Amino acid sequence: MFTHDCTSCGRHELIFPDQITGLDHRDDSFLVHFTCWCDAPQTHVEQRLVAAA
């Protein structure tokens, strides 16, 4: 779960795993595609955590 500010309805909502529609891997992040509670498609950028050596 994570929170997101919707670009369509403007609300700050908690997003659950069943709302996720896709995931794209980037070198330094993941793009999480999901559907907001208002049914608008959204994208959230999640930065990868780098483990300390």
PDB file of N, CA and C in Angstrom:
ATOM      1  N   MET A   1       0.839  -1.177   0.000  1.00  0.00           N
ATOM      2  CA  MET A   1       0.000   0.000   0.000  1.00  0.00           C
ATOM      3  C   MET A   1       0.887   1.245   0.000  1.00  0.00           C
ATOM      4  N   PHE A   2       0.361   2.273  -0.584  1.00  0.00           N
ATOM      5  CA  PHE A   2       1.027   3.573  -0.575  1.00  0.00           C
ATOM      6  C   PHE A   2      -0.040   4.646  -0.746  1.00  0.00           C
ATOM      7  N   THR A   3       0.335   5.873  -0.481  1.00  0.00           N
ATOM      8  CA  THR A   3      -0.603   6.980  -0.680  1.00  0.00           C
ATOM      9  C   THR A   3      -0.229   7.721  -1.961  1.00  0.00           C
ATOM     10  N   HIS A   4      -1.222   8.372  -2.542  1.00  0.00           N
ATOM     11  CA  HIS A   4      -1.004   9.077  -3.804  1.00  0.00           C
ATOM     12  C   HIS A   4      -1.971  10.251  -3.892  1.00  0.00           C
ATOM     13  N   ASP A   5      -1.495  11.357  -4.478  1.00  0.00           N
ATOM     14  CA  ASP A   5      -2.347  12.500  -4.775  1.00  0.00           C
ATOM     15  C   ASP A   5      -2.811  12.355  -6.218  1.00  0.00           C
ATOM     16  N   CYS A   6      -4.090  12.141  -6.419  1.00  0.00           N
ATOM     17  CA  CYS A   6      -4.640  11.915  -7.757  1.00  0.00           C
ATOM     18  C   CYS A   6      -4.601  13.194  -8.588  1.00  0.00           C
ATOM     19  N   THR A   7      -4.133  13.075  -9.822  1.00  0.00           N
ATOM     20  CA  THR A   7      -4.082  14.232 -10.722  1.00  0.00           C
ATOM     21  C   THR A   7      -5.448  14.520 -11.337  1.00  0.00           C
ATOM     22  N   SER A   8      -6.396  13.613 -11.172  1.00  0.00           N
ATOM     23  CA  SER A   8      -7.730  13.800 -11.733  1.00  0.00           C
ATOM     24  C   SER A   8      -8.704  14.380 -10.706  1.00  0.00           C
ATOM     25  N   CYS A   9      -8.850  13.711  -9.563  1.00  0.00           N
ATOM     26  CA  CYS A   9      -9.821  14.160  -8.552  1.00  0.00           C
ATOM     27  C   CYS A   9      -9.190  15.027  -7.469  1.00  0.00           C
ATOM     28  N   GLY A  10      -7.838  15.036  -7.378  1.00  0.00           N
ATOM     29  CA  GLY A  10      -7.144  15.877  -6.422  1.00  0.00           C
ATOM     30  C   GLY A  10      -7.106  15.356  -4.998  1.00  0.00           C
ATOM     31  N   ARG A  11      -7.668  14.175  -4.764  1.00  0.00           N
ATOM     32  CA  ARG A  11      -7.692  13.644  -3.402  1.00  0.00           C
ATOM     33  C   ARG A  11      -6.406  12.883  -3.084  1.00  0.00           C
ATOM     34  N   HIS A  12      -6.061  12.856  -1.802  1.00  0.00           N
ATOM     35  CA  HIS A  12      -4.919  12.100  -1.287  1.00  0.00           C
ATOM     36  C   HIS A  12      -5.492  10.787  -0.765  1.00  0.00           C
ATOM     37  N   GLU A  13      -5.213   9.686  -1.457  1.00  0.00           N
ATOM     38  CA  GLU A  13      -5.848   8.407  -1.149  1.00  0.00           C
ATOM     39  C   GLU A  13      -4.832   7.306  -0.890  1.00  0.00           C
ATOM     40  N   LEU A  14      -5.234   6.321  -0.107  1.00  0.00           N
ATOM     41  CA  LEU A  14      -4.467   5.118   0.113  1.00  0.00           C
ATOM     42  C   LEU A  14      -4.744   4.160  -1.043  1.00  0.00           C
ATOM     43  N   ILE A  15      -3.679   3.661  -1.688  1.00  0.00           N
ATOM     44  CA  ILE A  15      -3.806   2.771  -2.844  1.00  0.00           C
ATOM     45  C   ILE A  15      -3.473   1.347  -2.406  1.00  0.00           C
ATOM     46  N   PHE A  16      -4.349   0.404  -2.724  1.00  0.00           N
ATOM     47  CA  PHE A  16      -4.197  -0.991  -2.343  1.00  0.00           C
ATOM     48  C   PHE A  16      -3.673  -1.819  -3.520  1.00  0.00           C
ATOM     49  N   PRO A  17      -3.057  -2.973  -3.242  1.00  0.00           N
ATOM     50  CA  PRO A  17      -2.486  -3.809  -4.316  1.00  0.00           C
ATOM     51  C   PRO A  17      -3.475  -4.188  -5.422  1.00  0.00           C
ATOM     52  N   ASP A  18      -4.744  -4.372  -5.091  1.00  0.00           N
ATOM     53  CA  ASP A  18      -5.698  -4.767  -6.129  1.00  0.00           C
ATOM     54  C   ASP A  18      -6.032  -3.634  -7.103  1.00  0.00           C
ATOM     55  N   GLN A  19      -5.570  -2.413  -6.834  1.00  0.00           N
ATOM     56  CA  GLN A  19      -5.768  -1.288  -7.747  1.00  0.00           C
ATOM     57  C   GLN A  19      -4.623  -1.177  -8.762  1.00  0.00           C
ATOM     58  N   ILE A  20      -3.541  -1.914  -8.547  1.00  0.00           N
ATOM     59  CA  ILE A  20      -2.375  -1.851  -9.427  1.00  0.00           C
ATOM     60  C   ILE A  20      -2.677  -2.583 -10.730  1.00  0.00           C
ATOM     61  N   THR A  21      -2.386  -1.912 -11.839  1.00  0.00           N
ATOM     62  CA  THR A  21      -2.659  -2.481 -13.160  1.00  0.00           C
ATOM     63  C   THR A  21      -1.389  -2.805 -13.932  1.00  0.00           C
ATOM     64  N   GLY A  22      -0.230  -2.345 -13.455  1.00  0.00           N
ATOM     65  CA  GLY A  22       1.026  -2.628 -14.150  1.00  0.00           C
ATOM     66  C   GLY A  22       2.213  -2.093 -13.385  1.00  0.00           C
ATOM     67  N   LEU A  23       3.393  -2.578 -13.796  1.00  0.00           N
ATOM     68  CA  LEU A  23       4.640  -2.183 -13.154  1.00  0.00           C
ATOM     69  C   LEU A  23       5.727  -2.160 -14.215  1.00  0.00           C
ATOM     70  N   ASP A  24       6.427  -1.043 -14.333  1.00  0.00           N
ATOM     71  CA  ASP A  24       7.546  -0.915 -15.273  1.00  0.00           C
ATOM     72  C   ASP A  24       8.826  -0.694 -14.489  1.00  0.00           C
ATOM     73  N   HIS A  25       9.866  -1.428 -14.839  1.00  0.00           N
ATOM     74  CA  HIS A  25      11.156  -1.345 -14.161  1.00  0.00           C
ATOM     75  C   HIS A  25      12.047  -0.349 -14.890  1.00  0.00           C
ATOM     76  N   ARG A  26      12.649   0.548 -14.142  1.00  0.00           N
ATOM     77  CA  ARG A  26      13.650   1.487 -14.660  1.00  0.00           C
ATOM     78  C   ARG A  26      14.953   1.210 -13.932  1.00  0.00           C
ATOM     79  N   ASP A  27      16.055   1.800 -14.376  1.00  0.00           N
ATOM     80  CA  ASP A  27      17.350   1.576 -13.724  1.00  0.00           C
ATOM     81  C   ASP A  27      17.339   1.967 -12.250  1.00  0.00           C
ATOM     82  N   ASP A  28      16.718   3.097 -11.941  1.00  0.00           N
ATOM     83  CA  ASP A  28      16.754   3.597 -10.567  1.00  0.00           C
ATOM     84  C   ASP A  28      15.387   3.673  -9.898  1.00  0.00           C
ATOM     85  N   SER A  29      14.340   3.203 -10.573  1.00  0.00           N
ATOM     86  CA  SER A  29      13.001   3.311 -10.001  1.00  0.00           C
ATOM     87  C   SER A  29      12.037   2.324 -10.648  1.00  0.00           C
ATOM     88  N   PHE A  30      10.842   2.267 -10.109  1.00  0.00           N
ATOM     89  CA  PHE A  30       9.737   1.501 -10.674  1.00  0.00           C
ATOM     90  C   PHE A  30       8.601   2.470 -10.947  1.00  0.00           C
ATOM     91  N   LEU A  31       7.896   2.272 -12.045  1.00  0.00           N
ATOM     92  CA  LEU A  31       6.681   3.025 -12.325  1.00  0.00           C
ATOM     93  C   LEU A  31       5.509   2.104 -12.004  1.00  0.00           C
ATOM     94  N   VAL A  32       4.688   2.504 -11.056  1.00  0.00           N
ATOM     95  CA  VAL A  32       3.535   1.719 -10.659  1.00  0.00           C
ATOM     96  C   VAL A  32       2.306   2.332 -11.319  1.00  0.00           C
ATOM     97  N   HIS A  33       1.635   1.571 -12.160  1.00  0.00           N
ATOM     98  CA  HIS A  33       0.410   2.016 -12.826  1.00  0.00           C
ATOM     99  C   HIS A  33      -0.771   1.453 -12.037  1.00  0.00           C
ATOM    100  N   PHE A  34      -1.752   2.303 -11.781  1.00  0.00           N
ATOM    101  CA  PHE A  34      -2.899   1.869 -10.986  1.00  0.00           C
ATOM    102  C   PHE A  34      -4.113   2.707 -11.343  1.00  0.00           C
ATOM    103  N   THR A  35      -5.258   2.299 -10.827  1.00  0.00           N
ATOM    104  CA  THR A  35      -6.501   3.031 -11.025  1.00  0.00           C
ATOM    105  C   THR A  35      -6.909   3.654  -9.700  1.00  0.00           C
ATOM    106  N   CYS A  36      -7.113   4.961  -9.704  1.00  0.00           N
ATOM    107  CA  CYS A  36      -7.535   5.688  -8.508  1.00  0.00           C
ATOM    108  C   CYS A  36      -8.961   5.266  -8.126  1.00  0.00           C
ATOM    109  N   TRP A  37      -9.364   5.625  -6.934  1.00  0.00           N
ATOM    110  CA  TRP A  37     -10.725   5.354  -6.473  1.00  0.00           C
ATOM    111  C   TRP A  37     -11.755   6.044  -7.366  1.00  0.00           C
ATOM    112  N   CYS A  38     -11.371   7.121  -8.054  1.00  0.00           N
ATOM    113  CA  CYS A  38     -12.291   7.827  -8.950  1.00  0.00           C
ATOM    114  C   CYS A  38     -12.278   7.230 -10.355  1.00  0.00           C
ATOM    115  N   ASP A  39     -11.573   6.089 -10.539  1.00  0.00           N
ATOM    116  CA  ASP A  39     -11.453   5.361 -11.812  1.00  0.00           C
ATOM    117  C   ASP A  39     -10.504   6.004 -12.820  1.00  0.00           C
ATOM    118  N   ALA A  40      -9.726   6.987 -12.412  1.00  0.00           N
ATOM    119  CA  ALA A  40      -8.747   7.605 -13.306  1.00  0.00           C
ATOM    120  C   ALA A  40      -7.446   6.804 -13.281  1.00  0.00           C
ATOM    121  N   PRO A  41      -6.866   6.528 -14.446  1.00  0.00           N
ATOM    122  CA  PRO A  41      -5.564   5.857 -14.484  1.00  0.00           C
ATOM    123  C   PRO A  41      -4.484   6.796 -13.959  1.00  0.00           C
ATOM    124  N   GLN A  42      -3.586   6.267 -13.137  1.00  0.00           N
ATOM    125  CA  GLN A  42      -2.536   7.056 -12.501  1.00  0.00           C
ATOM    126  C   GLN A  42      -1.213   6.311 -12.571  1.00  0.00           C
ATOM    127  N   THR A  43      -0.113   7.034 -12.341  1.00  0.00           N
ATOM    128  CA  THR A  43       1.225   6.450 -12.280  1.00  0.00           C
ATOM    129  C   THR A  43       1.948   7.021 -11.074  1.00  0.00           C
ATOM    130  N   HIS A  44       2.644   6.150 -10.357  1.00  0.00           N
ATOM    131  CA  HIS A  44       3.415   6.531  -9.172  1.00  0.00           C
ATOM    132  C   HIS A  44       4.849   6.073  -9.380  1.00  0.00           C
ATOM    133  N   VAL A  45       5.829   6.944  -9.117  1.00  0.00           N
ATOM    134  CA  VAL A  45       7.240   6.592  -9.236  1.00  0.00           C
ATOM    135  C   VAL A  45       7.751   6.171  -7.864  1.00  0.00           C
ATOM    136  N   GLU A  46       8.281   4.976  -7.794  1.00  0.00           N
ATOM    137  CA  GLU A  46       8.845   4.458  -6.542  1.00  0.00           C
ATOM    138  C   GLU A  46      10.348   4.279  -6.750  1.00  0.00           C
ATOM    139  N   GLN A  47      11.144   5.017  -5.983  1.00  0.00           N
ATOM    140  CA  GLN A  47      12.590   4.942  -6.098  1.00  0.00           C
ATOM    141  C   GLN A  47      13.096   3.625  -5.497  1.00  0.00           C
ATOM    142  N   ARG A  48      14.075   3.024  -6.159  1.00  0.00           N
ATOM    143  CA  ARG A  48      14.675   1.796  -5.635  1.00  0.00           C
ATOM    144  C   ARG A  48      15.528   2.139  -4.430  1.00  0.00           C
ATOM    145  N   LEU A  49      15.494   1.262  -3.447  1.00  0.00           N
ATOM    146  CA  LEU A  49      16.348   1.417  -2.283  1.00  0.00           C
ATOM    147  C   LEU A  49      17.700   0.778  -2.584  1.00  0.00           C
ATOM    148  N   VAL A  50      18.755   1.475  -2.236  1.00  0.00           N
ATOM    149  CA  VAL A  50      20.104   0.954  -2.445  1.00  0.00           C
ATOM    150  C   VAL A  50      20.647   0.534  -1.086  1.00  0.00           C
ATOM    151  N   ALA A  51      21.022  -0.729  -0.975  1.00  0.00           N
ATOM    152  CA  ALA A  51      21.528  -1.245   0.292  1.00  0.00           C
ATOM    153  C   ALA A  51      22.913  -0.679   0.576  1.00  0.00           C
ATOM    154  N   ALA A  52      23.149  -0.339   1.808  1.00  0.00           N
ATOM    155  CA  ALA A  52      24.464   0.165   2.212  1.00  0.00           C
ATOM    156  C   ALA A  52      25.452  -0.990   2.259  1.00  0.00           C
ATOM    157  N   ALA A  53      26.663  -0.740   1.809  1.00  0.00           N
ATOM    158  CA  ALA A  53      27.683  -1.801   1.773  1.00  0.00           C
ATOM    159  C   ALA A  53      28.405  -1.924   3.091  1.00  0.00           C
TER     160      ALA A  53
END
